[in-house]
Amino acid sequence: MGSDFNIDRRYQIIDPIGSGAYGLVVAAVDLKTGQKVAIKKIEKAFEHKIYTKRTLRELKIARLMNHPNLLKIESI
């Protein structure tokens, strides 16, 4: 999708999932555990104050979510 992901070698990118106003999401597999994960790259998160606030808000809300149909944050 025209963007490089600099991620730990334990993750292997499978497919792009989508993109939005603030980032790109790819499907990957954790080679140590075999678990499928989604990795989001937030671009220009600190370019403007409003982008920073929205990114922080997204992380705070996602961290508190606990439902089987929602992804949980493993690491930041």
N, C-alpha and C. Protein backbone atom coordinates (compact mmCIF):
# COMPACT_ATOMS: atom_id res chain seq x y z
N MET A 1 0.83 -1.19 0.00
CA MET A 1 0.00 0.00 0.00
C MET A 1 0.87 1.24 0.00
N GLY A 2 2.12 1.08 -0.39
CA GLY A 2 3.00 2.23 -0.52
C GLY A 2 3.64 2.71 0.76
N SER A 3 3.64 1.88 1.80
CA SER A 3 4.23 2.28 3.07
C SER A 3 5.05 1.12 3.62
N ASP A 4 6.20 1.44 4.18
CA ASP A 4 7.05 0.41 4.78
C ASP A 4 6.68 0.22 6.24
N PHE A 5 6.62 -1.02 6.67
CA PHE A 5 6.37 -1.35 8.07
C PHE A 5 7.69 -1.84 8.66
N ASN A 6 8.19 -1.17 9.67
CA ASN A 6 9.39 -1.59 10.38
C ASN A 6 8.94 -2.30 11.64
N ILE A 7 8.83 -3.62 11.57
CA ILE A 7 8.31 -4.39 12.69
C ILE A 7 9.32 -5.45 13.10
N ASP A 8 9.10 -6.00 14.26
CA ASP A 8 9.96 -7.05 14.79
C ASP A 8 9.96 -8.25 13.84
N ARG A 9 11.06 -8.95 13.77
CA ARG A 9 11.19 -10.10 12.86
C ARG A 9 10.25 -11.25 13.22
N ARG A 10 9.72 -11.21 14.42
CA ARG A 10 8.82 -12.30 14.83
C ARG A 10 7.47 -12.21 14.12
N TYR A 11 7.19 -11.10 13.46
CA TYR A 11 5.93 -10.93 12.74
C TYR A 11 6.16 -11.01 11.24
N GLN A 12 5.28 -11.74 10.57
CA GLN A 12 5.34 -11.84 9.12
C GLN A 12 4.03 -11.29 8.57
N ILE A 13 4.13 -10.26 7.73
CA ILE A 13 2.94 -9.64 7.16
C ILE A 13 2.34 -10.58 6.12
N ILE A 14 1.01 -10.75 6.22
CA ILE A 14 0.28 -11.63 5.31
C ILE A 14 -0.39 -10.81 4.21
N ASP A 15 -1.27 -9.90 4.60
CA ASP A 15 -2.05 -9.11 3.65
C ASP A 15 -2.36 -7.74 4.21
N PRO A 16 -2.54 -6.76 3.34
CA PRO A 16 -3.08 -5.48 3.82
C PRO A 16 -4.57 -5.65 4.13
N ILE A 17 -5.02 -5.01 5.18
CA ILE A 17 -6.43 -5.08 5.56
C ILE A 17 -7.15 -3.82 5.12
N GLY A 18 -6.53 -2.67 5.38
CA GLY A 18 -7.19 -1.43 5.00
C GLY A 18 -6.40 -0.22 5.40
N SER A 19 -6.94 0.93 5.06
CA SER A 19 -6.29 2.17 5.42
C SER A 19 -7.36 3.19 5.77
N GLY A 20 -6.97 4.15 6.56
CA GLY A 20 -7.88 5.20 6.96
C GLY A 20 -7.18 6.53 6.95
N ALA A 21 -7.79 7.49 7.57
CA ALA A 21 -7.24 8.84 7.58
C ALA A 21 -5.93 8.90 8.34
N TYR A 22 -5.75 8.04 9.33
CA TYR A 22 -4.57 8.15 10.20
C TYR A 22 -3.64 6.97 10.15
N GLY A 23 -3.96 5.93 9.39
CA GLY A 23 -3.04 4.82 9.41
C GLY A 23 -3.40 3.69 8.46
N LEU A 24 -2.50 2.72 8.44
CA LEU A 24 -2.65 1.53 7.62
C LEU A 24 -2.68 0.32 8.53
N VAL A 25 -3.47 -0.70 8.14
CA VAL A 25 -3.57 -1.91 8.94
C VAL A 25 -3.24 -3.10 8.06
N VAL A 26 -2.41 -4.01 8.58
CA VAL A 26 -2.07 -5.23 7.87
C VAL A 26 -2.33 -6.43 8.77
N ALA A 27 -2.64 -7.56 8.14
CA ALA A 27 -2.74 -8.82 8.86
C ALA A 27 -1.35 -9.43 8.90
N ALA A 28 -1.01 -10.01 10.04
CA ALA A 28 0.31 -10.63 10.20
C ALA A 28 0.17 -11.86 11.08
N VAL A 29 1.22 -12.64 11.12
CA VAL A 29 1.25 -13.80 12.00
C VAL A 29 2.49 -13.67 12.89
N ASP A 30 2.30 -13.99 14.15
CA ASP A 30 3.40 -14.00 15.11
C ASP A 30 4.10 -15.35 14.96
N LEU A 31 5.32 -15.35 14.47
CA LEU A 31 6.04 -16.59 14.19
C LEU A 31 6.39 -17.38 15.45
N LYS A 32 6.43 -16.71 16.60
CA LYS A 32 6.74 -17.41 17.85
C LYS A 32 5.53 -18.16 18.39
N THR A 33 4.35 -17.57 18.27
CA THR A 33 3.15 -18.18 18.85
C THR A 33 2.20 -18.75 17.81
N GLY A 34 2.34 -18.34 16.56
CA GLY A 34 1.42 -18.77 15.52
C GLY A 34 0.12 -17.99 15.51
N GLN A 35 0.00 -17.01 16.39
CA GLN A 35 -1.21 -16.21 16.52
C GLN A 35 -1.31 -15.20 15.39
N LYS A 36 -2.52 -15.06 14.83
CA LYS A 36 -2.75 -14.03 13.82
C LYS A 36 -2.99 -12.71 14.54
N VAL A 37 -2.39 -11.64 14.02
CA VAL A 37 -2.51 -10.32 14.62
C VAL A 37 -2.78 -9.28 13.53
N ALA A 38 -3.26 -8.14 13.96
CA ALA A 38 -3.39 -6.98 13.07
C ALA A 38 -2.40 -5.95 13.56
N ILE A 39 -1.67 -5.35 12.65
CA ILE A 39 -0.69 -4.32 13.00
C ILE A 39 -1.11 -3.03 12.33
N LYS A 40 -1.22 -1.99 13.14
CA LYS A 40 -1.61 -0.68 12.62
C LYS A 40 -0.42 0.26 12.68
N LYS A 41 -0.15 0.88 11.55
CA LYS A 41 0.90 1.89 11.48
C LYS A 41 0.21 3.25 11.41
N ILE A 42 0.42 4.05 12.43
CA ILE A 42 -0.18 5.37 12.48
C ILE A 42 0.84 6.35 11.94
N GLU A 43 0.52 6.91 10.80
CA GLU A 43 1.43 7.84 10.15
C GLU A 43 1.12 9.28 10.57
N LYS A 44 2.16 10.04 10.73
CA LYS A 44 2.04 11.47 11.04
C LYS A 44 1.27 11.72 12.33
N ALA A 45 1.42 10.83 13.30
CA ALA A 45 0.68 10.94 14.56
C ALA A 45 1.07 12.21 15.33
N PHE A 46 2.27 12.68 15.13
CA PHE A 46 2.73 13.84 15.89
C PHE A 46 2.94 15.07 15.01
N GLU A 47 2.39 15.03 13.81
CA GLU A 47 2.55 16.15 12.89
C GLU A 47 1.68 17.35 13.31
N HIS A 48 0.49 17.06 13.79
CA HIS A 48 -0.43 18.10 14.25
C HIS A 48 -0.97 17.71 15.62
N LYS A 49 -1.23 18.69 16.44
CA LYS A 49 -1.72 18.44 17.79
C LYS A 49 -3.02 17.63 17.77
N ILE A 50 -3.91 17.91 16.85
CA ILE A 50 -5.19 17.20 16.80
C ILE A 50 -5.00 15.74 16.44
N TYR A 51 -4.03 15.42 15.56
CA TYR A 51 -3.74 14.02 15.22
C TYR A 51 -3.24 13.28 16.45
N THR A 52 -2.39 13.94 17.22
CA THR A 52 -1.85 13.33 18.43
C THR A 52 -2.96 13.04 19.42
N LYS A 53 -3.86 13.98 19.62
CA LYS A 53 -4.98 13.78 20.54
C LYS A 53 -5.88 12.64 20.10
N ARG A 54 -6.19 12.58 18.81
CA ARG A 54 -7.06 11.52 18.29
C ARG A 54 -6.40 10.15 18.41
N THR A 55 -5.11 10.09 18.15
CA THR A 55 -4.39 8.82 18.28
C THR A 55 -4.38 8.35 19.73
N LEU A 56 -4.10 9.25 20.65
CA LEU A 56 -4.10 8.90 22.07
C LEU A 56 -5.49 8.46 22.51
N ARG A 57 -6.52 9.16 22.07
CA ARG A 57 -7.88 8.79 22.42
C ARG A 57 -8.22 7.39 21.90
N GLU A 58 -7.84 7.09 20.67
CA GLU A 58 -8.09 5.77 20.10
C GLU A 58 -7.40 4.68 20.92
N LEU A 59 -6.15 4.92 21.30
CA LEU A 59 -5.42 3.93 22.09
C LEU A 59 -6.05 3.73 23.47
N LYS A 60 -6.45 4.80 24.10
CA LYS A 60 -7.07 4.70 25.43
C LYS A 60 -8.37 3.91 25.38
N ILE A 61 -9.21 4.21 24.39
CA ILE A 61 -10.49 3.52 24.28
C ILE A 61 -10.28 2.05 23.93
N ALA A 62 -9.42 1.76 22.96
CA ALA A 62 -9.18 0.38 22.54
C ALA A 62 -8.59 -0.45 23.68
N ARG A 63 -7.79 0.16 24.52
CA ARG A 63 -7.18 -0.54 25.64
C ARG A 63 -8.22 -1.00 26.66
N LEU A 64 -9.30 -0.24 26.77
CA LEU A 64 -10.34 -0.55 27.75
C LEU A 64 -11.41 -1.50 27.23
N MET A 65 -11.47 -1.72 25.94
CA MET A 65 -12.48 -2.59 25.35
C MET A 65 -12.20 -4.05 25.69
N ASN A 66 -13.25 -4.77 26.02
CA ASN A 66 -13.11 -6.20 26.31
C ASN A 66 -14.36 -6.91 25.79
N HIS A 67 -14.27 -7.39 24.56
CA HIS A 67 -15.40 -8.06 23.92
C HIS A 67 -14.83 -9.07 22.93
N PRO A 68 -15.46 -10.24 22.79
CA PRO A 68 -14.90 -11.25 21.88
C PRO A 68 -14.87 -10.84 20.41
N ASN A 69 -15.68 -9.86 20.02
CA ASN A 69 -15.71 -9.42 18.62
C ASN A 69 -14.76 -8.27 18.34
N LEU A 70 -14.01 -7.81 19.35
CA LEU A 70 -13.08 -6.70 19.17
C LEU A 70 -11.65 -7.15 19.41
N LEU A 71 -10.75 -6.57 18.66
CA LEU A 71 -9.33 -6.85 18.85
C LEU A 71 -8.86 -6.18 20.13
N LYS A 72 -7.91 -6.80 20.81
CA LYS A 72 -7.34 -6.15 21.96
C LYS A 72 -5.91 -5.73 21.65
N ILE A 73 -5.44 -4.75 22.36
CA ILE A 73 -4.08 -4.26 22.13
C ILE A 73 -3.11 -5.15 22.88
N GLU A 74 -2.17 -5.72 22.15
CA GLU A 74 -1.13 -6.56 22.74
C GLU A 74 0.07 -5.73 23.15
N SER A 75 0.46 -4.80 22.29
CA SER A 75 1.61 -3.95 22.59
C SER A 75 1.52 -2.67 21.78
N ILE A 76 2.23 -1.68 22.28
CA ILE A 76 2.28 -0.38 21.59
C ILE A 76 3.74 -0.06 21.33
